[in-house]
Protein backbone atom coordinates (compact mmCIF):
# COMPACT_ATOMS: atom_id res chain seq x y z
CA MET A 1 168.87 97.88 182.91
CA VAL A 2 166.93 96.14 179.56
CA ARG A 3 165.20 93.13 181.99
CA GLU A 4 162.92 90.07 179.87
CA ILE A 5 159.27 89.72 179.31
CA MET A 6 156.59 87.91 181.48
CA HIS A 7 154.95 85.98 180.07
CA ASP A 8 152.83 83.99 182.92
CA PRO A 9 148.95 85.16 182.96
CA ILE A 10 148.93 84.54 186.49
CA PHE A 11 151.30 87.11 187.43
CA LEU A 12 149.66 89.77 184.82
CA GLY A 13 146.55 89.37 185.67
CA ILE A 14 146.97 90.47 189.62
CA LYS A 15 146.14 94.46 189.95
CA SER A 16 149.52 96.61 190.54
CA GLU A 17 150.53 98.27 193.86
CA PRO A 18 151.26 101.81 193.97
CA ALA A 19 154.26 103.02 192.91
CA THR A 20 156.50 105.51 194.79
CA ARG A 21 160.09 107.60 194.84
CA GLU A 22 161.97 103.90 195.69
CA ASP A 23 160.75 102.10 191.88
CA LEU A 24 162.72 105.29 190.02
CA GLN A 25 165.17 103.20 188.60
CA VAL A 26 162.21 100.17 188.28
CA ALA A 27 161.21 103.44 185.78
CA GLN A 28 164.22 103.02 184.39
CA ASP A 29 164.56 99.12 183.65
CA LEU A 30 160.98 99.60 182.07
CA LEU A 31 162.12 102.26 179.50
CA ASP A 32 165.50 100.70 178.76
CA THR A 33 163.39 97.39 177.99
CA LEU A 34 160.67 99.41 176.41
CA ILE A 35 163.70 100.98 174.28
CA ALA A 36 165.48 97.61 173.69
CA ASN A 37 161.80 96.80 172.09
CA ARG A 38 161.01 99.37 170.53
CA ASP A 39 160.49 97.85 167.00
CA GLY A 40 157.63 95.69 167.86
CA CYS A 41 156.61 97.57 171.04
CA VAL A 42 155.02 101.11 171.77
CA GLY A 43 154.08 101.06 175.88
CA MET A 44 154.78 98.96 178.86
CA ALA A 45 153.53 98.10 182.02
CA ALA A 46 156.02 97.50 185.44
CA ASN A 47 154.04 93.67 185.21
CA MET A 48 155.92 93.13 181.53
CA ILE A 49 159.02 92.54 182.85
CA GLY A 50 158.37 91.12 185.98
CA VAL A 51 157.50 94.37 188.99
CA ARG A 52 154.02 94.62 190.99
CA LYS A 53 153.90 98.74 190.51
CA ARG A 54 151.90 101.22 188.75
CA ILE A 55 154.11 102.41 186.46
CA ILE A 56 153.57 102.95 182.56
CA VAL A 57 156.88 104.23 179.74
CA PHE A 58 155.06 104.64 176.29
CA ASP A 59 155.60 106.39 172.66
CA ASN A 60 153.51 109.81 172.69
CA ASP A 61 154.09 110.75 169.46
CA GLY A 62 157.88 110.25 168.75
CA SER A 63 158.59 110.80 172.65
CA TYR A 64 158.80 108.82 175.44
CA MET A 65 156.94 109.06 178.38
CA THR A 66 156.64 107.45 181.74
CA MET A 67 153.79 107.79 184.26
CA PHE A 68 153.58 106.84 187.79
CA ASN A 69 150.03 105.26 189.15
CA PRO A 70 147.86 106.56 185.85
CA GLU A 71 144.56 106.76 186.37
CA ILE A 72 141.54 107.61 183.47
CA LEU A 73 139.68 110.22 184.99
CA LYS A 74 137.30 110.41 181.98
CA SER A 75 136.95 108.58 178.75
CA SER A 76 135.13 109.04 175.62
CA GLY A 77 134.66 108.14 172.15
CA MET A 78 134.45 104.65 172.09
CA TYR A 79 135.48 101.82 169.21
CA GLU A 80 136.71 98.63 169.00
CA ALA A 81 140.52 97.80 168.30
CA GLU A 82 142.42 95.43 167.48
CA GLU A 83 145.61 95.06 169.80
CA GLY A 84 148.89 92.90 170.74
CA CYS A 85 151.43 92.72 173.49
CA LEU A 86 155.05 91.49 173.99
CA SER A 87 153.89 89.84 176.83
CA LEU A 88 150.61 87.29 174.82
CA LEU A 89 151.35 84.89 172.66
CA GLY A 90 149.79 84.99 169.59
CA GLY A 91 148.45 87.82 167.54
CA LEU A 92 146.26 90.65 167.98
CA ARG A 93 143.30 90.90 170.13
CA LYS A 94 139.70 92.35 169.80
CA CYS A 95 139.15 95.60 172.58
CA LYS A 96 137.60 98.28 173.42
CA ARG A 97 138.84 101.40 174.19
CA TYR A 98 138.05 105.47 174.26
CA GLN A 99 139.74 107.69 171.64
CA THR A 100 139.70 110.61 174.14
CA ILE A 101 141.14 109.56 177.88
CA LYS A 102 141.67 112.13 180.55
CA VAL A 103 144.54 111.11 182.77
CA GLN A 104 146.19 112.22 186.07
CA TRP A 105 149.55 110.20 186.96
CA LYS A 106 152.90 111.17 189.25
CA THR A 107 155.83 112.59 186.95
CA ALA A 108 159.82 110.97 187.86
CA GLU A 109 159.10 114.02 190.77
CA PHE A 110 155.96 112.51 192.01
CA GLN A 111 154.42 116.10 190.71
CA THR A 112 150.18 115.80 189.44
CA ARG A 113 149.61 115.87 186.47
CA ILE A 114 146.47 115.83 184.32
CA LYS A 115 146.57 115.82 180.70
CA THR A 116 144.14 115.34 178.00
CA PHE A 117 145.34 112.54 175.20
CA VAL A 118 143.43 111.30 172.39
CA GLY A 119 143.84 109.35 169.54
CA TRP A 120 146.80 106.50 169.22
CA PRO A 121 148.53 107.92 173.02
CA ALA A 122 145.78 107.37 174.05
CA GLN A 123 144.61 104.27 172.95
CA ILE A 124 148.44 103.01 174.22
CA ILE A 125 147.78 104.32 177.65
CA GLN A 126 144.74 102.44 177.87
CA HIS A 127 146.36 99.28 177.25
CA GLU A 128 149.07 99.99 179.51
CA ILE A 129 147.03 101.02 182.47
CA ASP A 130 144.42 97.77 181.69
CA HIS A 131 148.19 95.99 182.29
CA CYS A 132 148.37 98.10 185.51
CA ASN A 133 144.63 96.59 186.77
CA GLY A 134 145.28 93.26 185.74
CA VAL A 135 143.07 93.30 182.62
CA LEU A 136 144.63 91.03 179.30
CA ILE A 137 143.42 91.82 175.82
């Protein structure tokens, strides 16, 4: 189900709780909402649809990917970026990102995965994990 986008900076500024198997429908709603907004959005975190759970979805080089409880284990190659966000009004904002990140997360079956992401997908993941941590750009 497509949900409304949350714009309240106080809500968005609170750290999200760990996701559980009971949050699979939240992940589906998040994906549905991302797809509905694909013209102006490449990734979303669950708090963007009003749910404080550590779930992100994003366009991973042409296919959508869902991560439960993602954590960055390692990062390298810091650079300055400019990003926008559906949840925040206004234009692009400057932020620091890493070119390469190693991420651990759970799949929809709650199996642990670890993978290294580089470039654009890495930037998207960092933005969405920031959302999970209550960090706004």
